[in-house]
C-alpha cells in the first residue's frame, strides 16, 4: 500500500485567549493534528490536495506597543515531517520578515523583534515554508498567513477643531440644536471599545447639554435672555472606552452667542416731557428730542415715533432719527402766543419689526405726554386800519388836529404805544 506523507504548517499564537475557536479543550499538544490541518481523509488515509487552504486559520493576533522585557512570541511553524533531528529548515518571508518578525529556523518559533504600532500598520502578510537541509527540497508548499496587530487604547480622542463658534437665538425652546462637535480616535473601532467615544459636558450647565453619542449640543434652559447674558463658554469632553473609567479623553471649547430676537417693546423712561418754543419760531424748527429705550439690537430695536393725539397734532410734527432712534419734535405751523400758549401731545414709539411669536408680551409700543409751551415775543404795534386818507385845508393853522389813527399792541402785556 502506497502511503502519502502528510505535511502541515501551523502557527501557535501566543494569544490563545484571543482566538478560542482554534483550540478545543481536548487539544493540548503544541500543534494541531496533521489530519486537521491538511484535511486528511480518515477512510483513505490520503492527503487532500488543498495546499492553499491547508491552514485551519489565516489570521493571527499580536498586541501593539508591547513593552515586556523579552521579544513578543507570535507563533510556531511546524510540519509533521519534522522528526526533530534538525534536518528541516523553516523559512519566513513577506511583510517584515527578518526585521520585524524573526524565525528560529530550527524550531519554527516566530517572535516580534520590535514594538509594533497598529496605527502605522495594522496587518502583515507573511509566507512560510520548510526546506530539507540535505536536499534543499521544499517539503511543504509555501503557505500564506496574516498577522493582525491587536489594538490597545493608546490614542486619546481628538476634536476636529480646538474652538467651535456657534449662535442660537435667545428664547429658544429646550432641546434646540446649537452645533455638533466631532472627535475622532485613531484606535481600532472594530476591536473592543478603544475607539468608542462618549461625549459629556464639563462646563456650560445648566444652560446647555450634549448628546453623548452624536456630540450635538442643545439648549437646556427655557427663555434664556440675551439681555441678561449674551456669551457662554462650553467645554465638551470626548472619552473613549465608552466613557468608562480608564478611558482616554480630549476636550474642546465651544463659544456660544445668544442672538437677539424682538422680545422687548420700547419704553419711555418718563411719562411726561416739556418743551417750549417762541411764537416766532420758523416752520421746521426743532424743539427737542425724546427717546424710548429698547434693549434689543439692530432692526429689533428700530423705533418709529408719531403724534397719536392731542390739541397740537396739527401744529407740531415728530420725525425719527434712524441713527440715534430718537424722536425729534418740530414746528409744523406758525405759533401765536396770544391765541394759544400751551399744547398737549400724545407721542407714541412703536417697533417697526415686531415678532408675532412674542405678541403675548404686550403691545410693542409705548406712549408719553409732551407739553409744548409757547413763549411771547415783543411784537410791534398794529394799526387798526392799514391805511388812512386825511384831507387838510391849505390854510390850516400849525398845531391844528387834522385827524386820528389808532394802533394797538398785539402782545398780551398791552404795552403803551407812543
Protein backbone atom coordinates (compact mmCIF):
# COMPACT_ATOMS: atom_id res chain seq x y z
CA UNK A 1 0.00 0.00 0.00
CA UNK A 2 1.40 3.36 -1.02
CA UNK A 3 1.41 5.90 1.77
CA UNK A 4 1.49 9.64 1.17
CA UNK A 5 3.34 11.76 3.65
CA UNK A 6 1.04 14.34 5.14
CA UNK A 7 2.76 17.67 5.70
CA UNK A 8 1.47 20.63 7.53
CA UNK A 9 2.46 24.04 8.75
CA UNK A 10 0.87 25.56 11.74
CA UNK A 11 1.39 28.60 13.84
CA UNK A 12 0.75 28.50 17.52
CA UNK A 13 -0.26 32.02 18.50
CA UNK A 14 0.82 33.48 21.78
CA UNK A 15 -2.67 34.94 22.25
CA UNK A 16 -4.67 31.74 22.64
CA UNK A 17 -7.30 33.55 24.68
CA UNK A 18 -7.99 35.87 21.76
CA UNK A 19 -8.92 33.03 19.36
CA UNK A 20 -10.62 30.35 21.46
CA UNK A 21 -12.17 28.72 18.42
CA UNK A 22 -8.76 27.47 17.30
CA UNK A 23 -8.35 25.11 20.25
CA UNK A 24 -10.76 22.64 21.70
CA UNK A 25 -10.36 21.55 25.33
CA UNK A 26 -9.10 18.16 24.19
CA UNK A 27 -6.21 19.56 22.13
CA UNK A 28 -3.35 20.36 24.49
CA UNK A 29 -0.41 19.48 22.28
CA UNK A 30 1.82 22.24 20.85
CA UNK A 31 0.25 21.97 17.43
CA UNK A 32 -2.90 20.68 15.83
CA UNK A 33 -3.11 17.18 14.44
CA UNK A 34 -1.88 16.89 10.87
CA UNK A 35 -5.12 15.47 9.60
CA UNK A 36 -6.98 18.60 10.80
CA UNK A 37 -4.52 20.92 9.19
CA UNK A 38 -4.40 19.23 5.85
CA UNK A 39 -7.89 17.74 5.85
CA UNK A 40 -6.64 14.13 5.83
CA UNK A 41 -9.27 11.56 4.85
CA UNK A 42 -9.72 9.03 7.64
CA UNK A 43 -11.15 6.49 5.19
CA UNK A 44 -8.46 6.57 2.53
CA UNK A 45 -5.50 7.87 4.51
CA UNK A 46 -4.66 10.27 1.75
CA UNK A 47 -3.81 13.95 1.97
CA UNK A 48 -6.37 16.17 0.34
CA UNK A 49 -4.63 18.45 -2.14
CA UNK A 50 -5.81 21.78 -0.82
CA UNK A 51 -2.45 23.33 -0.17
CA UNK A 52 -3.57 26.92 -0.10
CA UNK A 53 -6.45 26.03 2.16
CA UNK A 54 -4.50 23.71 4.45
CA UNK A 55 -4.37 26.17 7.33
CA UNK A 56 -7.14 25.98 9.85
CA UNK A 57 -6.87 29.77 10.24
CA UNK A 58 -5.41 32.54 8.18
CA UNK A 59 -5.15 35.32 10.69
CA UNK A 60 -3.19 35.72 13.93
CA UNK A 61 -3.19 38.45 16.51
CA UNK A 62 -0.43 40.34 18.24
CA UNK A 63 -0.71 43.19 20.73
CA UNK A 64 0.71 46.52 19.63
CA UNK A 65 3.13 48.55 21.74
CA UNK A 66 4.42 45.51 23.64
CA UNK A 67 6.77 46.68 26.40
CA UNK A 68 7.81 43.40 28.02
CA UNK A 69 11.49 42.56 28.72
CA UNK A 70 11.58 39.80 26.11
CA UNK A 71 10.62 39.67 22.47
CA UNK A 72 6.94 39.02 21.95
CA UNK A 73 6.09 35.47 20.93
CA UNK A 74 3.96 35.28 17.80
CA UNK A 75 3.60 31.58 16.97
CA UNK A 76 5.25 28.43 15.68
CA UNK A 77 5.76 26.85 12.27
CA UNK A 78 5.65 23.07 12.23
CA UNK A 79 5.35 20.19 9.76
CA UNK A 80 4.68 16.56 10.57
CA UNK A 81 7.77 15.69 8.56
CA UNK A 82 9.91 17.35 11.22
CA UNK A 83 11.42 14.39 13.06
CA UNK A 84 13.29 16.60 15.46
CA UNK A 85 16.70 15.68 14.00
CA UNK A 86 17.45 19.18 12.71
CA UNK A 87 17.19 18.22 9.05
CA UNK A 88 14.46 20.77 8.32
CA UNK A 89 14.90 24.48 7.99
CA UNK A 90 11.98 26.87 8.49
CA UNK A 91 11.87 29.98 6.32
CA UNK A 92 9.69 33.07 6.76
CA UNK A 93 9.17 35.68 4.02
CA UNK A 94 6.82 38.58 3.45
CA UNK A 95 5.99 41.80 5.33
CA UNK A 96 8.60 42.47 7.98
CA UNK A 97 10.21 39.05 7.74
CA UNK A 98 13.76 39.21 9.06
CA UNK A 99 13.33 42.68 10.53
CA UNK A 100 10.07 42.84 12.46
CA UNK A 101 9.46 39.12 12.64
CA UNK A 102 12.32 36.72 13.40
CA UNK A 103 12.03 32.95 12.99
CA UNK A 104 14.16 30.28 14.62
CA UNK A 105 14.98 28.21 11.55
CA UNK A 106 15.42 25.07 13.63
CA UNK A 107 12.30 25.18 15.82
CA UNK A 108 9.99 27.38 13.70
CA UNK A 109 9.31 29.72 16.61
CA UNK A 110 8.43 33.26 15.48
CA UNK A 111 9.00 36.36 17.61
CA UNK A 112 8.34 40.05 17.05
CA UNK A 113 11.69 41.82 17.23
CA UNK A 114 10.28 45.34 17.64
CA UNK A 115 7.35 47.15 19.14
CA UNK A 116 4.55 47.38 16.60
CA UNK A 117 2.14 50.26 16.18
CA UNK A 118 -1.26 49.37 14.74
CA UNK A 119 -1.84 52.96 13.68
CA UNK A 120 1.23 52.70 11.41
CA UNK A 121 0.39 49.24 10.01
CA UNK A 122 -2.45 47.06 11.15
CA UNK A 123 -1.67 43.74 9.47
CA UNK A 124 1.24 41.85 7.93
CA UNK A 125 1.06 39.20 5.21
CA UNK A 126 3.76 36.52 5.53
CA UNK A 127 4.61 33.24 3.83
CA UNK A 128 6.07 30.12 5.44
CA UNK A 129 7.82 27.06 4.04
CA UNK A 130 10.05 24.19 5.23
CA UNK A 131 13.26 23.11 3.40
CA UNK A 132 15.15 19.82 3.70
CA UNK A 133 18.70 20.88 4.62
CA UNK A 134 20.25 17.86 2.87
CA UNK A 135 18.43 18.03 -0.45
CA UNK A 136 17.32 21.68 -0.48
CA UNK A 137 13.92 20.38 -1.43
CA UNK A 138 10.83 22.18 -0.21
CA UNK A 139 8.95 19.61 1.83
CA UNK A 140 5.89 21.76 2.45
CA UNK A 141 4.22 24.04 -0.13
CA UNK A 142 4.54 27.69 0.73
CA UNK A 143 1.50 28.93 2.64
CA UNK A 144 0.37 32.47 3.36
CA UNK A 145 -1.00 33.77 6.63
CA UNK A 146 -1.82 37.13 8.21
CA UNK A 147 -0.67 38.62 11.47
CA UNK A 148 -3.09 41.27 12.61
CA UNK A 149 -1.96 43.76 15.20
CA UNK A 150 -4.43 43.97 18.00
CA UNK A 151 -5.19 47.46 19.20
CA UNK A 152 -4.55 48.82 22.65
CA UNK A 153 -6.03 52.08 23.84
CA UNK A 154 -3.05 54.33 23.18
CA UNK A 155 -4.77 57.21 21.38
CA UNK A 156 -6.99 59.78 23.01
CA UNK A 157 -9.96 61.24 21.14
CA UNK A 158 -9.21 64.43 19.25
CA UNK A 159 -11.74 67.03 18.19
CA UNK A 160 -11.72 68.31 14.64
CA UNK A 161 -11.47 71.88 15.98
CA UNK A 162 -9.79 73.38 19.02
CA UNK A 163 -12.53 76.02 19.33
CA UNK A 164 -16.04 75.93 17.90
CA UNK A 165 -18.12 79.06 17.31
CA UNK A 166 -21.91 78.82 17.40
CA UNK A 167 -25.02 81.00 17.63
CA UNK A 168 -28.51 80.27 18.87
CA UNK A 169 -31.48 82.66 19.16
CA UNK A 170 -32.44 83.74 22.64
CA UNK A 171 -35.74 82.42 23.96
CA UNK A 172 -35.15 79.14 22.09
CA UNK A 173 -37.03 76.16 23.43
CA UNK A 174 -35.35 73.44 25.45
CA UNK A 175 -33.66 70.92 23.14
CA UNK A 176 -32.93 73.37 20.33
CA UNK A 177 -29.83 72.17 18.43
CA UNK A 178 -26.91 74.58 18.61
CA UNK A 179 -23.93 72.83 16.98
CA UNK A 180 -22.42 69.38 16.58
CA UNK A 181 -18.87 68.71 17.74
CA UNK A 182 -16.94 65.73 16.43
CA UNK A 183 -13.99 63.84 17.85
CA UNK A 184 -12.06 61.00 16.24
CA UNK A 185 -9.99 58.22 17.77
CA UNK A 186 -7.09 56.59 15.90
CA UNK A 187 -7.57 53.30 17.73
CA UNK A 188 -9.31 50.34 16.11
CA UNK A 189 -13.05 50.87 16.03
CA UNK A 190 -13.60 47.19 15.23
CA UNK A 191 -11.84 45.87 18.30
CA UNK A 192 -13.08 46.49 21.81
CA UNK A 193 -14.12 49.94 23.00
CA UNK A 194 -10.82 51.73 22.44
CA UNK A 195 -12.41 53.97 19.81
CA UNK A 196 -15.95 54.10 21.24
CA UNK A 197 -16.39 57.77 22.11
CA UNK A 198 -18.87 59.24 24.58
CA UNK A 199 -19.42 62.99 24.82
CA UNK A 200 -20.09 64.85 28.04
CA UNK A 201 -20.27 68.47 29.14
CA UNK A 202 -17.72 69.72 31.66
CA UNK A 203 -18.67 73.40 31.62
CA UNK A 204 -21.83 75.10 30.46
CA UNK A 205 -24.53 73.53 32.58
CA UNK A 206 -27.36 74.08 33.28
CA UNK A 207 -27.68 76.16 30.13
CA UNK A 208 -26.64 73.54 27.59
CA UNK A 209 -26.42 69.76 27.22
CA UNK A 210 -24.68 67.41 24.79
CA UNK A 211 -25.89 64.17 23.25
CA UNK A 212 -23.41 61.52 24.47
CA UNK A 213 -23.45 59.65 21.15
CA UNK A 214 -23.75 62.32 18.47
CA UNK A 215 -22.00 65.29 20.10
CA UNK A 216 -24.92 67.60 19.30
CA UNK A 217 -25.10 70.48 21.76
CA UNK A 218 -28.61 71.61 22.69
CA UNK A 219 -30.20 74.26 24.84
CA UNK A 220 -31.16 73.00 28.29
CA UNK A 221 -32.96 76.01 29.83
CA UNK A 222 -36.06 77.80 28.54
CA UNK A 223 -36.29 81.56 27.96
CA UNK A 224 -32.58 82.33 28.04
CA UNK A 225 -32.29 86.08 27.56
CA UNK A 226 -29.56 87.78 25.56
CA UNK A 227 -30.18 90.96 27.52
CA UNK A 228 -29.22 89.11 30.73
CA UNK A 229 -26.27 87.18 29.29
CA UNK A 230 -25.04 87.01 25.73
CA UNK A 231 -21.87 84.87 25.73
CA UNK A 232 -21.32 81.32 27.00
CA UNK A 233 -18.19 79.17 27.03
CA UNK A 234 -18.99 75.47 26.94
CA UNK A 235 -16.34 72.77 27.46
CA UNK A 236 -17.09 69.36 25.90
CA UNK A 237 -15.18 66.18 26.69
CA UNK A 238 -14.85 63.18 24.39
CA UNK A 239 -13.84 59.99 26.23
CA UNK A 240 -13.09 56.62 24.69
CA UNK A 241 -13.71 53.17 26.16
CA UNK A 242 -17.39 54.06 26.04
CA UNK A 243 -16.82 56.65 28.73
CA UNK A 244 -15.73 54.06 31.27
CA UNK A 245 -13.12 54.60 33.92
CA UNK A 246 -9.63 54.36 32.48
CA UNK A 247 -10.62 55.71 29.09
CA UNK A 248 -8.59 58.44 27.45
CA UNK A 249 -10.19 61.81 26.82
CA UNK A 250 -9.85 65.07 24.94
CA UNK A 251 -11.67 68.38 25.30
CA UNK A 252 -12.73 71.30 23.15
CA UNK A 253 -14.27 74.69 23.82
CA UNK A 254 -17.45 75.96 22.21
CA UNK A 255 -18.16 79.71 22.27
CA UNK A 256 -21.91 80.17 22.03
CA UNK A 257 -23.57 83.53 21.44
CA UNK A 258 -27.26 84.18 22.03
CA UNK A 259 -28.55 86.17 19.08
CA UNK A 260 -31.23 88.80 19.52
CA UNK A 261 -34.95 88.44 18.89
CA UNK A 262 -37.54 91.19 19.22
CA UNK A 263 -38.85 90.27 22.64
CA UNK A 264 -38.72 93.75 24.22
CA UNK A 265 -41.12 96.59 23.42
CA UNK A 266 -39.85 100.18 23.51
CA UNK A 267 -40.34 102.04 26.78
CA UNK A 268 -40.18 105.76 27.54
CA UNK A 269 -38.09 106.39 30.66
CA UNK A 270 -40.58 109.07 31.79
CA UNK A 271 -44.28 109.69 31.30
CA UNK A 272 -44.19 113.43 30.59
CA UNK A 273 -41.89 115.69 28.60
CA UNK A 274 -41.90 119.51 28.40
CA UNK A 275 -40.65 121.76 25.63
CA UNK A 276 -41.01 125.47 24.82
CA UNK A 277 -40.98 127.47 21.62
CA UNK A 278 -41.02 131.12 20.69
CA UNK A 279 -44.14 132.03 18.88
CA UNK A 280 -41.93 133.39 16.14
CA UNK A 281 -40.13 130.09 15.55
CA UNK A 282 -39.86 129.32 11.83
CA UNK A 283 -41.58 126.27 10.47
CA UNK A 284 -39.45 123.11 10.85
CA UNK A 285 -37.68 124.42 13.94
CA UNK A 286 -36.56 121.57 16.21
CA UNK A 287 -37.91 121.91 19.74
CA UNK A 288 -36.12 118.91 21.26
CA UNK A 289 -35.66 115.13 21.26
CA UNK A 290 -37.28 112.28 23.12
CA UNK A 291 -36.12 108.67 23.22
CA UNK A 292 -37.78 105.41 24.12
CA UNK A 293 -35.43 102.65 25.29
CA UNK A 294 -35.35 99.22 23.67
CA UNK A 295 -32.79 96.69 24.96
CA UNK A 296 -32.92 94.75 21.70
CA UNK A 297 -30.37 95.39 18.97
CA UNK A 298 -30.33 96.01 15.25
CA UNK A 299 -33.66 96.08 13.47
CA UNK A 300 -35.30 94.59 16.55
CA UNK A 301 -34.68 97.91 18.29
CA UNK A 302 -35.84 100.09 15.38
CA UNK A 303 -38.48 102.61 16.51
CA UNK A 304 -40.90 104.89 14.68
CA UNK A 305 -42.28 107.97 16.50
CA UNK A 306 -45.67 109.57 15.82
CA UNK A 307 -48.14 112.03 17.33
CA UNK A 308 -51.17 109.91 18.13
CA UNK A 309 -53.45 112.56 19.64
CA UNK A 310 -53.56 115.96 21.31
CA UNK A 311 -54.67 119.52 20.69
CA UNK A 312 -51.45 120.32 18.85
CA UNK A 313 -51.28 117.43 16.39
CA UNK A 314 -51.76 119.88 13.52
CA UNK A 315 -49.25 122.39 14.90
CA UNK A 316 -46.29 120.08 15.50
CA UNK A 317 -44.63 117.13 13.86
CA UNK A 318 -42.23 114.43 15.09
CA UNK A 319 -39.64 112.69 12.93
CA UNK A 320 -37.43 109.70 13.70
CA UNK A 321 -33.65 109.92 13.73
CA UNK A 322 -32.68 106.49 12.33
CA UNK A 323 -29.14 106.74 13.66
CA UNK A 324 -29.98 107.52 17.28
CA UNK A 325 -33.53 106.09 17.39
CA UNK A 326 -34.75 109.40 18.84
CA UNK A 327 -37.89 111.36 18.06
CA UNK A 328 -37.35 115.00 17.03
CA UNK A 329 -40.25 117.38 17.75
CA UNK A 330 -40.59 120.20 15.17
CA UNK A 331 -42.85 123.19 14.47
CA UNK A 332 -45.36 122.41 11.74
CA UNK A 333 -47.47 125.61 11.69
CA UNK A 334 -46.90 129.20 12.79
CA UNK A 335 -47.44 129.62 16.54
CA UNK A 336 -49.25 132.53 18.20
CA UNK A 337 -48.80 133.07 21.89
CA UNK A 338 -51.84 135.29 22.09
CA UNK A 339 -54.09 132.61 20.59
CA UNK A 340 -52.72 129.55 22.43
CA UNK A 341 -49.71 129.23 24.64
CA UNK A 342 -49.86 125.54 25.69
CA UNK A 343 -50.25 122.35 23.68
CA UNK A 344 -50.59 118.76 24.88
CA UNK A 345 -49.42 115.95 22.60
CA UNK A 346 -49.62 112.17 22.93
CA UNK A 347 -46.45 110.78 21.33
CA UNK A 348 -46.08 107.07 20.54
CA UNK A 349 -42.91 104.98 19.98
CA UNK A 350 -43.55 101.77 18.01
CA UNK A 351 -41.26 98.90 16.99
CA UNK A 352 -41.06 98.67 13.22
CA UNK A 353 -40.23 94.92 13.13
CA UNK A 354 -42.37 93.18 15.75
CA UNK A 355 -42.15 89.40 16.05
CA UNK A 356 -45.58 87.69 16.24
CA UNK A 357 -44.13 84.98 18.47
CA UNK A 358 -43.81 87.49 21.29
CA UNK A 359 -47.05 89.42 20.97
CA UNK A 360 -48.11 87.78 24.20
CA UNK A 361 -45.64 90.04 25.96
CA UNK A 362 -47.91 93.01 25.19
CA UNK A 363 -48.10 95.76 22.57
CA UNK A 364 -44.73 96.61 21.11
CA UNK A 365 -45.22 100.37 21.55
CA UNK A 366 -45.34 102.96 24.31
CA UNK A 367 -46.68 106.50 24.68
CA UNK A 368 -45.78 109.64 26.61
CA UNK A 369 -47.35 113.08 27.15
CA UNK A 370 -45.49 116.01 25.59
CA UNK A 371 -46.30 119.57 26.72
CA UNK A 372 -45.24 122.46 24.49
CA UNK A 373 -45.25 125.96 25.94
CA UNK A 374 -45.37 128.87 23.51
CA UNK A 375 -43.37 131.91 24.59
CA UNK A 376 -44.40 135.50 23.83
CA UNK A 377 -42.33 137.72 21.56
CA UNK A 378 -42.41 141.56 21.78
CA UNK A 379 -44.26 142.37 18.57
CA UNK A 380 -44.63 145.92 17.07
CA UNK A 381 -47.93 147.79 17.39
CA UNK A 382 -50.56 147.07 14.76
CA UNK A 383 -52.78 149.82 13.25
CA UNK A 384 -56.47 149.13 13.23
CA UNK A 385 -56.69 150.41 9.66
CA UNK A 386 -53.82 149.56 7.38
CA UNK A 387 -54.15 152.92 5.54
CA UNK A 388 -55.87 156.28 6.20
CA UNK A 389 -56.78 159.26 3.95
CA UNK A 390 -56.94 162.68 5.66
CA UNK A 391 -57.84 165.89 3.85
CA UNK A 392 -56.34 169.20 5.09
CA UNK A 393 -57.12 172.78 4.11
CA UNK A 394 -54.18 174.60 2.73
CA UNK A 395 -54.50 177.42 5.20
CA UNK A 396 -54.83 175.21 8.28
CA UNK A 397 -53.08 176.52 11.30
CA UNK A 398 -49.94 174.96 12.64
CA UNK A 399 -50.73 172.59 15.52
CA UNK A 400 -54.28 172.00 14.43
CA UNK A 401 -55.70 168.44 14.74
CA UNK A 402 -56.32 167.18 11.24
CA UNK A 403 -57.27 163.53 12.03
CA UNK A 404 -56.66 160.42 14.20
CA UNK A 405 -55.01 156.98 13.70
CA UNK A 406 -55.31 154.11 16.17
CA UNK A 407 -52.71 151.35 16.82
CA UNK A 408 -52.74 148.55 19.36
CA UNK A 409 -50.04 146.39 20.95
CA UNK A 410 -50.77 142.76 19.98
CA UNK A 411 -48.79 141.44 22.95
CA UNK A 412 -50.66 140.26 25.97
CA UNK A 413 -48.95 142.88 28.09
CA UNK A 414 -50.61 145.63 26.05
CA UNK A 415 -47.64 147.95 26.28
CA UNK A 416 -48.16 151.71 25.97
CA UNK A 417 -47.94 152.88 22.38
CA UNK A 418 -46.33 156.15 21.53
